C-alpha atoms as a PDB file:
ATOM      1  CA  MET A   1      14.744 -16.955 -11.665  1.00  0.00           C
ATOM      2  CA  ASN A   2      11.857 -16.549  -9.843  1.00  0.00           C
ATOM      3  CA  GLN A   3      12.488 -14.085  -7.057  1.00  0.00           C
ATOM      4  CA  ILE A   4      11.044 -11.524  -4.772  1.00  0.00           C
ATOM      5  CA  ALA A   5      12.952  -7.991  -4.222  1.00  0.00           C
ATOM      6  CA  LEU A   6      12.913  -6.987  -0.486  1.00  0.00           C
ATOM      7  CA  PRO A   7      12.328  -3.509   0.310  1.00  0.00           C
ATOM      8  CA  PHE A   8      15.309  -2.747   2.127  1.00  0.00           C
ATOM      9  CA  PRO A   9      17.839   0.204   1.843  1.00  0.00           C
ATOM     10  CA  LEU A  10      20.894  -0.498  -0.311  1.00  0.00           C
ATOM     11  CA  GLY A  11      23.593  -1.662   1.872  1.00  0.00           C
ATOM     12  CA  SER A  12      21.563  -3.841   4.580  1.00  0.00           C
ATOM     13  CA  PRO A  13      22.972  -6.889   5.965  1.00  0.00           C
ATOM     14  CA  GLY A  14      21.503 -10.139   4.678  1.00  0.00           C
ATOM     15  CA  PRO A  15      19.467 -11.495   1.597  1.00  0.00           C
ATOM     16  CA  ALA A  16      18.296  -8.838  -0.614  1.00  0.00           C
ATOM     17  CA  ARG A  17      16.083 -11.125  -2.530  1.00  0.00           C
ATOM     18  CA  ILE A  18      13.978 -14.474  -1.727  1.00  0.00           C
ATOM     19  CA  VAL A  19      14.181 -17.248  -4.045  1.00  0.00           C
ATOM     20  CA  LEU A  20      11.084 -18.832  -4.858  1.00  0.00           C
ATOM     21  CA  GLY A  21      10.072 -22.588  -5.680  1.00  0.00           C
ATOM     22  CA  GLU A  22       7.552 -25.256  -5.132  1.00  0.00           C
ATOM     23  CA  ALA A  23       8.631 -25.173  -1.241  1.00  0.00           C
ATOM     24  CA  ASN A  24       7.424 -21.866  -1.010  1.00  0.00           C
ATOM     25  CA  ARG A  25       5.531 -20.059  -3.577  1.00  0.00           C
ATOM     26  CA  HIS A  26       2.572 -20.844  -2.050  1.00  0.00           C
ATOM     27  CA  VAL A  27       3.478 -18.896   1.029  1.00  0.00           C
ATOM     28  CA  ALA A  28       4.217 -15.522  -0.914  1.00  0.00           C
ATOM     29  CA  GLU A  29       0.901 -15.477  -2.808  1.00  0.00           C
ATOM     30  CA  ALA A  30      -1.000 -15.948   0.459  1.00  0.00           C
ATOM     31  CA  LEU A  31       0.879 -13.406   1.981  1.00  0.00           C
ATOM     32  CA  GLN A  32      -0.317 -11.257  -0.927  1.00  0.00           C
ATOM     33  CA  VAL A  33      -4.324 -11.958  -0.268  1.00  0.00           C
ATOM     34  CA  SER A  34      -4.099 -11.419   3.562  1.00  0.00           C
ATOM     35  CA  GLN A  35      -7.493  -9.561   3.418  1.00  0.00           C
ATOM     36  CA  SER A  36      -8.960 -13.097   3.113  1.00  0.00           C
ATOM     37  CA  TRP A  37      -7.129 -14.801   5.927  1.00  0.00           C
ATOM     38  CA  PRO A  38      -9.276 -16.129   8.476  1.00  0.00           C
ATOM     39  CA  PHE A  39      -9.687 -13.346  11.664  1.00  0.00           C
ATOM     40  CA  GLY A  40      -6.857 -11.577   9.755  1.00  0.00           C
ATOM     41  CA  THR A  41      -4.341 -13.840  11.056  1.00  0.00           C
ATOM     42  CA  ALA A  42      -1.912 -16.454   9.497  1.00  0.00           C
ATOM     43  CA  VAL A  43       0.670 -18.661  11.184  1.00  0.00           C
ATOM     44  CA  LEU A  44       4.144 -19.436   9.053  1.00  0.00           C
ATOM     45  CA  THR A  45       6.292 -22.011   9.816  1.00  0.00           C
ATOM     46  CA  GLY A  46       9.206 -23.845   8.126  1.00  0.00           C
ATOM     47  CA  PRO A  47      13.002 -25.418   8.268  1.00  0.00           C
ATOM     48  CA  PRO A  48      15.888 -23.169   9.788  1.00  0.00           C
ATOM     49  CA  ARG A  49      17.002 -20.972   7.156  1.00  0.00           C
ATOM     50  CA  SER A  50      14.215 -21.237   4.963  1.00  0.00           C
ATOM     51  CA  GLY A  51      13.607 -17.268   4.372  1.00  0.00           C
ATOM     52  CA  LYS A  52      10.652 -17.224   7.098  1.00  0.00           C
ATOM     53  CA  SER A  53      12.016 -13.974   8.946  1.00  0.00           C
ATOM     54  CA  LEU A  54      13.021 -12.659   5.246  1.00  0.00           C
ATOM     55  CA  LEU A  55       9.055 -12.997   4.057  1.00  0.00           C
ATOM     56  CA  ALA A  56       7.844 -11.904   7.359  1.00  0.00           C
ATOM     57  CA  ARG A  57       9.575  -8.296   6.331  1.00  0.00           C
ATOM     58  CA  TRP A  58       8.508  -8.355   2.847  1.00  0.00           C
ATOM     59  CA  PHE A  59       4.591  -8.659   4.399  1.00  0.00           C
ATOM     60  CA  ALA A  60       5.017  -5.927   7.156  1.00  0.00           C
ATOM     61  CA  ARG A  61       6.695  -3.640   4.600  1.00  0.00           C
ATOM     62  CA  GLY A  62       3.878  -4.293   1.826  1.00  0.00           C
ATOM     63  CA  GLY A  63       0.948  -2.692   3.693  1.00  0.00           C
ATOM     64  CA  GLN A  64      -0.491   0.456   2.063  1.00  0.00           C
ATOM     65  CA  SER A  65      -0.817   2.510   5.416  1.00  0.00           C
ATOM     66  CA  ALA A  66       0.591   2.454   8.945  1.00  0.00           C
ATOM     67  CA  GLY A  67      -0.473  -0.763  11.339  1.00  0.00           C
ATOM     68  CA  GLU A  68      -2.329  -2.348   8.157  1.00  0.00           C
ATOM     69  CA  ARG A  69       0.156  -5.319   8.505  1.00  0.00           C
ATOM     70  CA  GLU A  70       2.130  -6.589  11.487  1.00  0.00           C
ATOM     71  CA  ALA A  71       4.573  -9.678  11.581  1.00  0.00           C
ATOM     72  CA  ILE A  72       5.928 -11.643  14.737  1.00  0.00           C
ATOM     73  CA  ASP A  73       8.866 -13.657  14.441  1.00  0.00           C
ATOM     74  CA  ASN A  74      10.171 -16.292  16.626  1.00  0.00           C
ATOM     75  CA  ALA A  75       6.617 -16.248  18.236  1.00  0.00           C
ATOM     76  CA  GLN A  76       7.458 -19.757  20.040  1.00  0.00           C
ATOM     77  CA  LEU A  77      10.056 -17.654  21.921  1.00  0.00           C
ATOM     78  CA  LEU A  78       7.672 -15.286  23.434  1.00  0.00           C
ATOM     79  CA  ASP A  79       5.514 -15.226  26.343  1.00  0.00           C
ATOM     80  CA  GLU A  80       1.924 -16.769  25.410  1.00  0.00           C
ATOM     81  CA  ALA A  81      -0.175 -14.293  27.230  1.00  0.00           C
ATOM     82  CA  ALA A  82       1.806 -11.215  25.534  1.00  0.00           C
ATOM     83  CA  LEU A  83       1.265 -12.864  22.089  1.00  0.00           C
ATOM     84  CA  PHE A  84      -2.420 -13.616  23.069  1.00  0.00           C
ATOM     85  CA  HIS A  85      -2.491  -9.525  23.879  1.00  0.00           C
ATOM     86  CA  ARG A  86      -1.180  -8.869  20.376  1.00  0.00           C
ATOM     87  CA  TRP A  87      -3.769 -10.986  18.568  1.00  0.00           C
ATOM     88  CA  ASN A  88      -6.587  -9.294  20.666  1.00  0.00           C
ATOM     89  CA  ARG A  89      -5.106  -5.705  19.548  1.00  0.00           C
ATOM     90  CA  ALA A  90      -4.663  -6.854  16.131  1.00  0.00           C
ATOM     91  CA  GLN A  91      -8.282  -7.525  16.199  1.00  0.00           C
ATOM     92  CA  GLU A  92      -9.322  -4.692  17.699  1.00  0.00           C
ATOM     93  CA  GLU A  93      -7.415  -2.228  15.193  1.00  0.00           C
ATOM     94  CA  GLY A  94      -7.913  -4.324  12.065  1.00  0.00           C
ATOM     95  CA  THR A  95      -4.432  -4.987  11.478  1.00  0.00           C
ATOM     96  CA  ARG A  96      -3.789  -8.443   9.524  1.00  0.00           C
ATOM     97  CA  LEU A  97      -1.137 -10.495  11.456  1.00  0.00           C
ATOM     98  CA  LEU A  98       1.280 -13.183  10.191  1.00  0.00           C
ATOM     99  CA  ILE A  99       2.885 -14.965  13.229  1.00  0.00           C
ATOM    100  CA  VAL A 100       6.021 -16.740  12.423  1.00  0.00           C
ATOM    101  CA  ALA A 101       7.314 -19.984  14.472  1.00  0.00           C
ATOM    102  CA  GLY A 102       9.960 -22.382  14.012  1.00  0.00           C
ATOM    103  CA  GLU A 103       9.101 -26.129  13.274  1.00  0.00           C
ATOM    104  CA  PRO A 104       5.531 -26.876  12.916  1.00  0.00           C
ATOM    105  CA  SER A 105       5.902 -29.095  16.005  1.00  0.00           C
ATOM    106  CA  TRP A 106       5.426 -25.771  18.082  1.00  0.00           C
ATOM    107  CA  ARG A 107       3.003 -26.695  20.656  1.00  0.00           C
ATOM    108  CA  ILE A 108       0.581 -23.889  22.394  1.00  0.00           C
ATOM    109  CA  VAL A 109      -0.181 -24.182  25.834  1.00  0.00           C
ATOM    110  CA  LEU A 110      -2.519 -21.256  26.710  1.00  0.00           C
ATOM    111  CA  PRO A 111      -5.997 -22.734  25.523  1.00  0.00           C
ATOM    112  CA  ASP A 112      -7.391 -19.355  24.506  1.00  0.00           C
ATOM    113  CA  LEU A 113      -4.094 -18.574  22.252  1.00  0.00           C
ATOM    114  CA  ALA A 114      -3.961 -22.122  20.972  1.00  0.00           C
ATOM    115  CA  SER A 115      -7.560 -22.148  19.839  1.00  0.00           C
ATOM    116  CA  ARG A 116      -7.131 -18.481  18.272  1.00  0.00           C
ATOM    117  CA  LEU A 117      -4.145 -19.494  16.255  1.00  0.00           C
ATOM    118  CA  GLY A 118      -5.489 -22.995  15.076  1.00  0.00           C
ATOM    119  CA  ALA A 119      -8.415 -21.197  13.629  1.00  0.00           C
ATOM    120  CA  ALA A 120      -5.808 -18.876  11.584  1.00  0.00           C
ATOM    121  CA  LEU A 121      -4.494 -19.603   8.068  1.00  0.00           C
ATOM    122  CA  GLN A 122      -1.472 -22.208   8.557  1.00  0.00           C
ATOM    123  CA  LEU A 123       1.348 -21.730   6.062  1.00  0.00           C
ATOM    124  CA  GLU A 124       4.399 -24.314   5.911  1.00  0.00           C
ATOM    125  CA  ILE A 125       7.868 -23.880   4.047  1.00  0.00           C
ATOM    126  CA  GLY A 126       8.684 -27.180   2.676  1.00  0.00           C
ATOM    127  CA  LEU A 127      12.099 -28.543   1.580  1.00  0.00           C
ATOM    128  CA  PRO A 128      13.638 -27.263  -1.753  1.00  0.00           C
ATOM    129  CA  ASP A 129      13.629 -29.387  -4.694  1.00  0.00           C
ATOM    130  CA  ASP A 130      16.116 -29.848  -7.288  1.00  0.00           C
ATOM    131  CA  ILE A 131      15.224 -26.795  -9.219  1.00  0.00           C
ATOM    132  CA  LEU A 132      14.909 -24.384  -5.862  1.00  0.00           C
ATOM    133  CA  ALA A 133      17.802 -25.871  -4.587  1.00  0.00           C
ATOM    134  CA  GLY A 134      19.771 -25.169  -7.595  1.00  0.00           C
ATOM    135  CA  GLU A 135      18.459 -21.327  -7.826  1.00  0.00           C
ATOM    136  CA  LEU A 136      19.157 -20.872  -4.023  1.00  0.00           C
ATOM    137  CA  LEU A 137      22.699 -21.714  -4.599  1.00  0.00           C
ATOM    138  CA  LEU A 138      23.106 -19.409  -7.166  1.00  0.00           C
ATOM    139  CA  SER A 139      21.308 -16.653  -5.359  1.00  0.00           C
ATOM    140  CA  LEU A 140      23.219 -17.315  -2.270  1.00  0.00           C
ATOM    141  CA  ALA A 141      26.935 -17.423  -4.262  1.00  0.00           C
ATOM    142  CA  ALA A 142      25.876 -13.712  -6.256  1.00  0.00           C
ATOM    143  CA  GLU A 143      25.126 -12.753  -2.598  1.00  0.00           C
ATOM    144  CA  ARG A 144      28.675 -13.345  -2.034  1.00  0.00           C
ATOM    145  CA  GLY A 145      30.168 -12.237  -5.269  1.00  0.00           C
ATOM    146  CA  LEU A 146      30.941 -15.732  -6.287  1.00  0.00           C
ATOM    147  CA  VAL A 147      30.512 -16.923  -9.848  1.00  0.00           C
ATOM    148  CA  LEU A 148      28.861 -20.259 -10.352  1.00  0.00           C
ATOM    149  CA  GLY A 149      26.974 -21.304 -13.366  1.00  0.00           C
ATOM    150  CA  GLU A 150      24.872 -24.069 -14.158  1.00  0.00           C
ATOM    151  CA  GLU A 151      27.660 -26.630 -14.321  1.00  0.00           C
ATOM    152  CA  ALA A 152      28.230 -26.053 -10.308  1.00  0.00           C
ATOM    153  CA  VAL A 153      24.320 -26.392 -10.177  1.00  0.00           C
ATOM    154  CA  HIS A 154      24.370 -29.963 -11.809  1.00  0.00           C
ATOM    155  CA  TYR A 155      27.297 -31.322  -9.959  1.00  0.00           C
ATOM    156  CA  LEU A 156      26.783 -29.884  -6.664  1.00  0.00           C
ATOM    157  CA  VAL A 157      22.999 -30.095  -5.900  1.00  0.00           C
ATOM    158  CA  PRO A 158      22.832 -33.749  -6.156  1.00  0.00           C
ATOM    159  CA  ARG A 159      25.559 -34.103  -3.831  1.00  0.00           C
ATOM    160  CA  ALA A 160      24.722 -31.830  -1.687  1.00  0.00           C
ATOM    161  CA  GLY A 161      22.266 -31.772   1.935  1.00  0.00           C
ATOM    162  CA  ARG A 162      18.763 -31.344   0.761  1.00  0.00           C
ATOM    163  CA  SER A 163      17.613 -28.653   2.866  1.00  0.00           C
ATOM    164  CA  TRP A 164      17.680 -24.973   3.231  1.00  0.00           C
ATOM    165  CA  ALA A 165      20.816 -24.329   5.809  1.00  0.00           C
ATOM    166  CA  GLU A 166      22.848 -27.432   3.859  1.00  0.00           C
ATOM    167  CA  ILE A 167      22.779 -25.425   1.020  1.00  0.00           C
ATOM    168  CA  GLU A 168      23.716 -22.250   2.761  1.00  0.00           C
ATOM    169  CA  ARG A 169      26.734 -23.921   4.467  1.00  0.00           C
ATOM    170  CA  LEU A 170      27.954 -25.598   1.228  1.00  0.00           C
ATOM    171  CA  VAL A 171      28.089 -21.894  -0.214  1.00  0.00           C
ATOM    172  CA  VAL A 172      29.633 -20.614   2.739  1.00  0.00           C
ATOM    173  CA  MET A 173      32.310 -23.327   2.263  1.00  0.00           C
ATOM    174  CA  ILE A 174      32.915 -22.822  -1.120  1.00  0.00           C
ATOM    175  CA  ASP A 175      33.460 -18.935  -0.512  1.00  0.00           C
ATOM    176  CA  ARG A 176      36.041 -19.666   2.263  1.00  0.00           C
ATOM    177  CA  LEU A 177      37.975 -22.196   0.257  1.00  0.00           C
ATOM    178  CA  SER A 178      37.945 -19.652  -2.727  1.00  0.00           C
ATOM    179  CA  LEU A 179      39.209 -17.138  -0.236  1.00  0.00           C
ATOM    180  CA  GLU A 180      41.750 -19.179   1.353  1.00  0.00           C
ATOM    181  CA  ARG A 181      43.149 -20.630  -1.800  1.00  0.00           C
ATOM    182  CA  LYS A 182      42.974 -16.935  -3.771  1.00  0.00           C
ATOM    183  CA  ALA A 183      41.408 -18.964  -6.561  1.00  0.00           C
ATOM    184  CA  PRO A 184      38.114 -19.152  -8.621  1.00  0.00           C
ATOM    185  CA  PRO A 185      35.246 -21.574  -7.117  1.00  0.00           C
ATOM    186  CA  THR A 186      36.063 -24.147  -9.919  1.00  0.00           C
ATOM    187  CA  LEU A 187      35.617 -28.132  -9.544  1.00  0.00           C
ATOM    188  CA  GLY A 188      38.537 -28.759  -7.009  1.00  0.00           C
ATOM    189  CA  ILE A 189      36.870 -26.261  -5.075  1.00  0.00           C
ATOM    190  CA  TRP A 190      33.651 -27.854  -5.237  1.00  0.00           C
ATOM    191  CA  ARG A 191      35.051 -31.119  -4.173  1.00  0.00           C
ATOM    192  CA  SER A 192      36.721 -30.033  -1.761  1.00  0.00           C
ATOM    193  CA  ALA A 193      33.701 -28.136   0.077  1.00  0.00           C
ATOM    194  CA  LEU A 194      31.601 -31.224  -0.132  1.00  0.00           C
ATOM    195  CA  GLU A 195      34.456 -33.130   1.290  1.00  0.00           C
ATOM    196  CA  ALA A 196      34.838 -30.907   4.220  1.00  0.00           C
ATOM    197  CA  LEU A 197      31.051 -30.872   4.697  1.00  0.00           C
ATOM    198  CA  TYR A 198      30.241 -34.603   4.377  1.00  0.00           C
ATOM    199  CA  GLY A 199      33.442 -36.425   4.850  1.00  0.00           C
ATOM    200  CA  PRO A 200      36.130 -37.778   2.553  1.00  0.00           C
ATOM    201  CA  GLY A 201      35.037 -40.585  -0.428  1.00  0.00           C
ATOM    202  CA  GLU A 202      32.656 -39.860  -3.476  1.00  0.00           C
ATOM    203  CA  PRO A 203      29.965 -37.584  -2.151  1.00  0.00           C
ATOM    204  CA  ARG A 204      26.325 -38.982  -1.815  1.00  0.00           C
ATOM    205  CA  LEU A 205      24.336 -38.362  -4.578  1.00  0.00           C
ATOM    206  CA  LEU A 206      20.236 -38.458  -4.411  1.00  0.00           C
END
């Protein structure tokens, strides 16, 4: 399984690793060569729960000295004039700046900010393919102490919704049912989790 270990203290909430695949490997690679970014700036977008914030924290922690790198998360929620000021400050101080927003449909009203960020490196996380969905399923399960193997991957991945958030919802449901039934997560619980999320009947196959 191809993963990035996050430089967070033991006991920190949330995932300890980022699972890499075709949908996001290009982003991780670009974050490691920030010295080549246009104007030292990149804009990262992607679907919900796709690890944008985790990648931003990994990037910000990777600098060799204080102030070398900065990540601004949820940039679409910030005042655009304040965001433009932070971009200017990063230019003055030589700080490489990663700006993280939601979906690629983010629209900037302030012309000066729009032109600056339009010239930055544009990075977008895609949807997980079968391989990445399986690795994500196993990684999320392991973080919850759930024992899932390749048999679970072969059964669940074709029947699950194909998004980062849907894979996470499925693992949460499996964990919940396993705790409620006081039983390990085997085929009966996998089926119940799929039914709880997608309704009764044969789960959909992609």
